[in-house]
N, C-alpha and C. Protein backbone atom coordinates (compact mmCIF):
# COMPACT_ATOMS: atom_id res chain seq x y z
N UNK A 1 134.64 -82.65 -47.96
CA UNK A 1 134.21 -81.36 -47.46
C UNK A 1 135.32 -80.80 -46.57
N UNK A 2 135.65 -79.57 -46.78
CA UNK A 2 136.67 -78.92 -45.97
C UNK A 2 136.04 -78.40 -44.67
N UNK A 3 136.88 -78.05 -43.73
CA UNK A 3 136.41 -77.51 -42.47
C UNK A 3 135.85 -76.10 -42.69
N UNK A 4 134.82 -75.78 -41.93
CA UNK A 4 134.36 -74.39 -41.93
C UNK A 4 135.39 -73.56 -41.19
N UNK A 5 135.29 -72.25 -41.30
CA UNK A 5 136.24 -71.38 -40.58
C UNK A 5 136.16 -71.61 -39.08
N UNK A 6 134.95 -71.76 -38.56
CA UNK A 6 134.77 -71.99 -37.13
C UNK A 6 135.38 -73.34 -36.73
N UNK A 7 135.11 -74.39 -37.51
CA UNK A 7 135.67 -75.72 -37.21
C UNK A 7 137.19 -75.68 -37.24
N UNK A 8 137.75 -75.01 -38.23
CA UNK A 8 139.21 -74.96 -38.35
C UNK A 8 139.82 -74.21 -37.18
N UNK A 9 139.21 -73.11 -36.77
CA UNK A 9 139.71 -72.35 -35.62
C UNK A 9 139.68 -73.21 -34.36
N UNK A 10 138.58 -73.93 -34.13
CA UNK A 10 138.48 -74.81 -32.96
C UNK A 10 139.50 -75.93 -33.04
N UNK A 11 139.64 -76.52 -34.22
CA UNK A 11 140.60 -77.61 -34.42
C UNK A 11 142.03 -77.13 -34.14
N UNK A 12 142.39 -76.00 -34.68
CA UNK A 12 143.74 -75.47 -34.45
C UNK A 12 143.96 -75.16 -32.98
N UNK A 13 142.95 -74.66 -32.29
CA UNK A 13 143.08 -74.40 -30.86
C UNK A 13 143.31 -75.68 -30.07
N UNK A 14 142.56 -76.71 -30.40
CA UNK A 14 142.72 -78.02 -29.74
C UNK A 14 144.11 -78.58 -29.98
N UNK A 15 144.56 -78.54 -31.23
CA UNK A 15 145.87 -79.10 -31.59
C UNK A 15 147.02 -78.29 -30.99
N UNK A 16 146.91 -76.98 -31.02
CA UNK A 16 147.97 -76.14 -30.45
C UNK A 16 148.09 -76.39 -28.95
N UNK A 17 146.96 -76.47 -28.27
CA UNK A 17 146.98 -76.75 -26.83
C UNK A 17 147.60 -78.11 -26.55
N UNK A 18 147.28 -79.11 -27.35
CA UNK A 18 147.83 -80.45 -27.17
C UNK A 18 149.36 -80.42 -27.35
N UNK A 19 149.81 -79.79 -28.42
CA UNK A 19 151.25 -79.74 -28.70
C UNK A 19 152.01 -79.01 -27.59
N UNK A 20 151.44 -77.92 -27.10
CA UNK A 20 152.10 -77.16 -26.03
C UNK A 20 152.12 -77.94 -24.72
N UNK A 21 151.04 -78.65 -24.43
CA UNK A 21 150.99 -79.44 -23.20
C UNK A 21 151.93 -80.64 -23.27
N UNK A 22 152.04 -81.23 -24.42
CA UNK A 22 152.84 -82.45 -24.59
C UNK A 22 154.35 -82.18 -24.46
N UNK A 23 154.80 -81.05 -24.96
CA UNK A 23 156.24 -80.74 -24.93
C UNK A 23 156.46 -79.55 -23.99
N UNK A 24 157.11 -79.76 -22.85
CA UNK A 24 157.35 -78.67 -21.90
C UNK A 24 158.19 -77.54 -22.53
N UNK A 25 157.91 -76.34 -22.11
CA UNK A 25 158.58 -75.15 -22.64
C UNK A 25 160.10 -75.26 -22.56
N UNK A 26 160.59 -75.82 -21.48
CA UNK A 26 162.04 -75.89 -21.26
C UNK A 26 162.81 -76.80 -22.20
N UNK A 27 162.14 -77.64 -22.97
CA UNK A 27 162.86 -78.56 -23.87
C UNK A 27 162.51 -78.34 -25.34
N UNK A 28 161.82 -77.27 -25.63
CA UNK A 28 161.40 -77.02 -27.02
C UNK A 28 162.54 -76.66 -27.95
N UNK A 29 163.74 -76.44 -27.40
CA UNK A 29 164.90 -76.26 -28.26
C UNK A 29 165.48 -77.62 -28.66
N UNK A 30 164.96 -78.70 -28.04
CA UNK A 30 165.43 -80.05 -28.32
C UNK A 30 164.39 -80.91 -29.03
N UNK A 31 163.13 -80.56 -28.87
CA UNK A 31 162.05 -81.34 -29.47
C UNK A 31 160.83 -80.44 -29.63
N UNK A 32 160.14 -80.63 -30.74
CA UNK A 32 158.91 -79.89 -31.00
C UNK A 32 157.83 -80.87 -31.43
N UNK A 33 156.61 -80.52 -31.17
CA UNK A 33 155.48 -81.28 -31.68
C UNK A 33 154.64 -80.31 -32.49
N UNK A 34 154.42 -80.65 -33.74
CA UNK A 34 153.67 -79.78 -34.64
C UNK A 34 152.55 -80.58 -35.29
N UNK A 35 151.70 -79.90 -35.99
CA UNK A 35 150.62 -80.57 -36.72
C UNK A 35 150.49 -79.95 -38.10
N UNK A 36 149.95 -80.74 -39.00
CA UNK A 36 149.67 -80.28 -40.36
C UNK A 36 148.23 -80.66 -40.68
N UNK A 37 147.48 -79.72 -41.18
CA UNK A 37 146.10 -79.98 -41.60
C UNK A 37 146.07 -79.94 -43.11
N UNK A 38 145.52 -81.00 -43.68
CA UNK A 38 145.40 -81.09 -45.14
C UNK A 38 144.05 -81.71 -45.44
N UNK A 39 143.16 -80.95 -46.03
CA UNK A 39 141.81 -81.45 -46.25
C UNK A 39 141.17 -81.75 -44.91
N UNK A 40 140.71 -82.98 -44.73
CA UNK A 40 140.13 -83.39 -43.45
C UNK A 40 141.05 -84.37 -42.72
N UNK A 41 142.34 -84.18 -42.93
CA UNK A 41 143.35 -85.01 -42.29
C UNK A 41 144.30 -84.14 -41.47
N UNK A 42 144.59 -84.60 -40.28
CA UNK A 42 145.55 -83.93 -39.39
C UNK A 42 146.68 -84.90 -39.10
N UNK A 43 147.91 -84.44 -39.27
CA UNK A 43 149.07 -85.27 -38.97
C UNK A 43 149.88 -84.62 -37.86
N UNK A 44 150.18 -85.40 -36.82
CA UNK A 44 151.09 -84.93 -35.75
C UNK A 44 152.51 -85.28 -36.15
N UNK A 45 153.41 -84.33 -35.98
CA UNK A 45 154.80 -84.49 -36.41
C UNK A 45 155.73 -84.09 -35.27
N UNK A 46 156.67 -84.97 -34.96
CA UNK A 46 157.70 -84.68 -33.96
C UNK A 46 158.93 -84.18 -34.71
N UNK A 47 159.50 -83.07 -34.25
CA UNK A 47 160.70 -82.51 -34.88
C UNK A 47 161.83 -82.44 -33.86
N UNK A 48 163.03 -82.75 -34.37
CA UNK A 48 164.24 -82.68 -33.54
C UNK A 48 165.30 -81.90 -34.29
N UNK A 49 166.20 -81.23 -33.55
CA UNK A 49 167.22 -80.42 -34.22
C UNK A 49 168.21 -81.30 -34.99
N UNK A 50 168.90 -80.70 -35.93
CA UNK A 50 169.89 -81.47 -36.70
C UNK A 50 171.01 -81.94 -35.79
N UNK A 51 171.58 -83.06 -36.14
CA UNK A 51 172.70 -83.58 -35.34
C UNK A 51 173.98 -82.80 -35.60
N UNK A 52 174.06 -82.30 -36.81
CA UNK A 52 175.23 -81.48 -37.18
C UNK A 52 174.72 -80.15 -37.69
N UNK A 53 175.36 -79.09 -37.28
CA UNK A 53 174.97 -77.74 -37.74
C UNK A 53 175.63 -77.47 -39.08
N UNK A 54 175.11 -76.68 -39.94
CA UNK A 54 173.72 -76.24 -39.96
C UNK A 54 172.85 -77.31 -40.59
N UNK A 55 171.59 -77.17 -40.45
CA UNK A 55 170.67 -78.12 -41.04
C UNK A 55 169.26 -77.89 -40.58
N UNK A 56 168.36 -78.57 -41.22
CA UNK A 56 166.96 -78.46 -40.85
C UNK A 56 166.63 -79.50 -39.78
N UNK A 57 165.62 -79.18 -39.02
CA UNK A 57 165.13 -80.12 -38.02
C UNK A 57 164.57 -81.35 -38.73
N UNK A 58 164.82 -82.52 -38.16
CA UNK A 58 164.27 -83.74 -38.73
C UNK A 58 162.80 -83.87 -38.34
N UNK A 59 162.05 -84.58 -39.14
CA UNK A 59 160.62 -84.75 -38.88
C UNK A 59 160.28 -86.23 -38.85
N UNK A 60 159.50 -86.62 -37.85
CA UNK A 60 158.99 -87.99 -37.74
C UNK A 60 157.49 -87.91 -37.49
N UNK A 61 156.74 -88.68 -38.27
CA UNK A 61 155.30 -88.67 -38.05
C UNK A 61 154.96 -89.45 -36.79
N UNK A 62 153.97 -88.98 -36.06
CA UNK A 62 153.55 -89.60 -34.80
C UNK A 62 152.21 -90.29 -34.97
N UNK A 63 151.23 -89.55 -35.47
CA UNK A 63 149.87 -90.08 -35.61
C UNK A 63 149.15 -89.27 -36.68
N UNK A 64 148.10 -89.89 -37.19
CA UNK A 64 147.27 -89.18 -38.16
C UNK A 64 145.81 -89.38 -37.80
N UNK A 65 145.04 -88.33 -38.00
CA UNK A 65 143.61 -88.35 -37.70
C UNK A 65 142.88 -87.98 -38.99
N UNK A 66 141.91 -88.78 -39.36
CA UNK A 66 141.14 -88.50 -40.57
C UNK A 66 139.67 -88.41 -40.22
N UNK A 67 139.05 -87.33 -40.67
CA UNK A 67 137.62 -87.14 -40.40
C UNK A 67 136.83 -87.60 -41.62
N UNK A 68 135.86 -88.47 -41.37
CA UNK A 68 134.96 -88.95 -42.41
C UNK A 68 133.92 -87.86 -42.66
N UNK A 69 133.84 -87.33 -43.87
CA UNK A 69 132.90 -86.24 -44.13
C UNK A 69 131.44 -86.66 -43.96
N UNK A 70 131.13 -87.91 -44.19
CA UNK A 70 129.74 -88.38 -44.08
C UNK A 70 129.29 -88.47 -42.62
N UNK A 71 130.13 -89.04 -41.77
CA UNK A 71 129.75 -89.24 -40.36
C UNK A 71 130.30 -88.15 -39.44
N UNK A 72 131.29 -87.40 -39.95
CA UNK A 72 131.97 -86.35 -39.18
C UNK A 72 132.69 -86.93 -37.96
N UNK A 73 133.06 -88.19 -38.06
CA UNK A 73 133.82 -88.84 -36.99
C UNK A 73 135.28 -88.96 -37.40
N UNK A 74 136.13 -88.87 -36.39
CA UNK A 74 137.57 -88.98 -36.58
C UNK A 74 138.00 -90.42 -36.40
N UNK A 75 138.97 -90.84 -37.19
CA UNK A 75 139.63 -92.14 -37.03
C UNK A 75 141.11 -91.88 -36.80
N UNK A 76 141.72 -92.75 -36.03
CA UNK A 76 143.13 -92.63 -35.67
C UNK A 76 143.96 -93.62 -36.49
N UNK A 77 145.08 -93.14 -37.00
CA UNK A 77 146.00 -93.98 -37.79
C UNK A 77 147.40 -93.90 -37.18
N UNK A 78 148.13 -95.00 -37.33
CA UNK A 78 149.53 -95.06 -36.87
C UNK A 78 150.40 -95.38 -38.08
N UNK A 79 151.65 -95.00 -38.00
CA UNK A 79 152.58 -95.21 -39.11
C UNK A 79 153.47 -96.42 -38.83
N UNK A 80 153.79 -97.14 -39.90
CA UNK A 80 154.77 -98.22 -39.76
C UNK A 80 156.17 -97.64 -39.97
N UNK A 81 157.16 -98.49 -39.98
CA UNK A 81 158.55 -98.00 -40.08
C UNK A 81 158.85 -97.33 -41.41
N UNK A 82 157.98 -97.55 -42.41
CA UNK A 82 158.15 -96.91 -43.72
C UNK A 82 157.25 -95.68 -43.87
N UNK A 83 156.69 -95.23 -42.75
CA UNK A 83 155.78 -94.08 -42.71
C UNK A 83 154.50 -94.29 -43.52
N UNK A 84 154.08 -95.54 -43.64
CA UNK A 84 152.78 -95.84 -44.26
C UNK A 84 151.74 -95.89 -43.16
N UNK A 85 150.56 -95.34 -43.42
CA UNK A 85 149.52 -95.23 -42.42
C UNK A 85 148.63 -96.46 -42.37
N UNK A 86 148.30 -96.87 -41.14
CA UNK A 86 147.41 -98.02 -40.89
C UNK A 86 146.40 -97.61 -39.84
N UNK A 87 145.16 -98.06 -40.03
CA UNK A 87 144.12 -97.77 -39.06
C UNK A 87 144.52 -98.37 -37.71
N UNK A 88 144.42 -97.56 -36.68
CA UNK A 88 144.69 -98.00 -35.31
C UNK A 88 143.38 -98.54 -34.77
N UNK A 89 143.30 -99.82 -34.57
CA UNK A 89 142.03 -100.47 -34.26
C UNK A 89 141.74 -100.62 -32.77
N UNK A 90 142.56 -100.03 -31.92
CA UNK A 90 142.37 -100.16 -30.48
C UNK A 90 141.33 -99.18 -29.93
N UNK A 91 140.83 -98.29 -30.77
CA UNK A 91 139.83 -97.31 -30.33
C UNK A 91 138.85 -97.07 -31.47
N UNK A 92 137.61 -96.83 -31.09
CA UNK A 92 136.57 -96.57 -32.08
C UNK A 92 136.67 -95.13 -32.61
N UNK A 93 136.10 -94.89 -33.77
CA UNK A 93 136.03 -93.50 -34.26
C UNK A 93 135.30 -92.62 -33.25
N UNK A 94 135.62 -91.34 -33.26
CA UNK A 94 135.01 -90.41 -32.29
C UNK A 94 134.71 -89.08 -32.97
N UNK A 95 133.64 -88.45 -32.54
CA UNK A 95 133.30 -87.11 -33.06
C UNK A 95 134.24 -86.05 -32.49
N UNK A 96 134.74 -86.29 -31.29
CA UNK A 96 135.62 -85.34 -30.61
C UNK A 96 137.07 -85.79 -30.77
N UNK A 97 137.85 -85.00 -31.44
CA UNK A 97 139.26 -85.33 -31.68
C UNK A 97 140.03 -85.53 -30.39
N UNK A 98 139.62 -84.85 -29.32
CA UNK A 98 140.34 -84.96 -28.04
C UNK A 98 140.33 -86.38 -27.49
N UNK A 99 139.30 -87.16 -27.82
CA UNK A 99 139.24 -88.56 -27.40
C UNK A 99 140.41 -89.33 -28.01
N UNK A 100 140.67 -89.09 -29.29
CA UNK A 100 141.76 -89.79 -29.98
C UNK A 100 143.12 -89.24 -29.55
N UNK A 101 143.19 -87.95 -29.30
CA UNK A 101 144.45 -87.38 -28.78
C UNK A 101 144.80 -87.99 -27.43
N UNK A 102 143.81 -88.26 -26.61
CA UNK A 102 144.05 -88.92 -25.32
C UNK A 102 144.61 -90.32 -25.51
N UNK A 103 144.13 -91.02 -26.53
CA UNK A 103 144.65 -92.36 -26.82
C UNK A 103 146.10 -92.29 -27.26
N UNK A 104 146.44 -91.29 -28.06
CA UNK A 104 147.84 -91.10 -28.47
C UNK A 104 148.69 -90.82 -27.23
N UNK A 105 148.20 -90.00 -26.33
CA UNK A 105 148.91 -89.71 -25.08
C UNK A 105 149.13 -90.98 -24.26
N UNK A 106 148.08 -91.76 -24.09
CA UNK A 106 148.17 -93.01 -23.31
C UNK A 106 149.11 -93.99 -23.97
N UNK A 107 149.00 -94.09 -25.27
CA UNK A 107 149.85 -94.99 -26.09
C UNK A 107 150.01 -96.38 -25.49
N UNK A 108 148.90 -97.08 -25.25
CA UNK A 108 148.98 -98.39 -24.58
C UNK A 108 149.76 -99.45 -25.37
N UNK A 109 149.89 -99.29 -26.67
CA UNK A 109 150.63 -100.27 -27.47
C UNK A 109 152.07 -99.84 -27.74
N UNK A 110 152.43 -98.61 -27.40
CA UNK A 110 153.78 -98.12 -27.65
C UNK A 110 154.05 -97.77 -29.10
N UNK A 111 153.01 -97.65 -29.90
CA UNK A 111 153.20 -97.41 -31.33
C UNK A 111 153.39 -95.95 -31.67
N UNK A 112 152.94 -95.04 -30.83
CA UNK A 112 153.05 -93.62 -31.14
C UNK A 112 154.32 -92.99 -30.61
N UNK A 113 154.64 -93.25 -29.36
CA UNK A 113 155.79 -92.63 -28.73
C UNK A 113 156.93 -93.62 -28.46
N UNK A 114 156.69 -94.89 -28.73
CA UNK A 114 157.72 -95.90 -28.57
C UNK A 114 157.84 -96.40 -27.25
């Protein structure tokens, strides 16, 4: 099941606020935090400028959130070095995505931000 228009608007507001809070305005020419929504999956992506001009910004996945359509709860996933997703088992699923975003912020295992 896809998000309703209201759910998508709320989701985008939550994610935009998170990305803006996480990366200070003064360094956004050096690092960006973006998100991609696909179906009921949200992926956080860190972008950095090219090392040599010209070029595209590089992209590294940070975290992924998947909403179960049956329970409407979010689960948090982390990527391995090959960018394969694995369930992050340090936190339970949550109905509120902000709970999982807080876990990514805290990053007690160092798996999201290193």
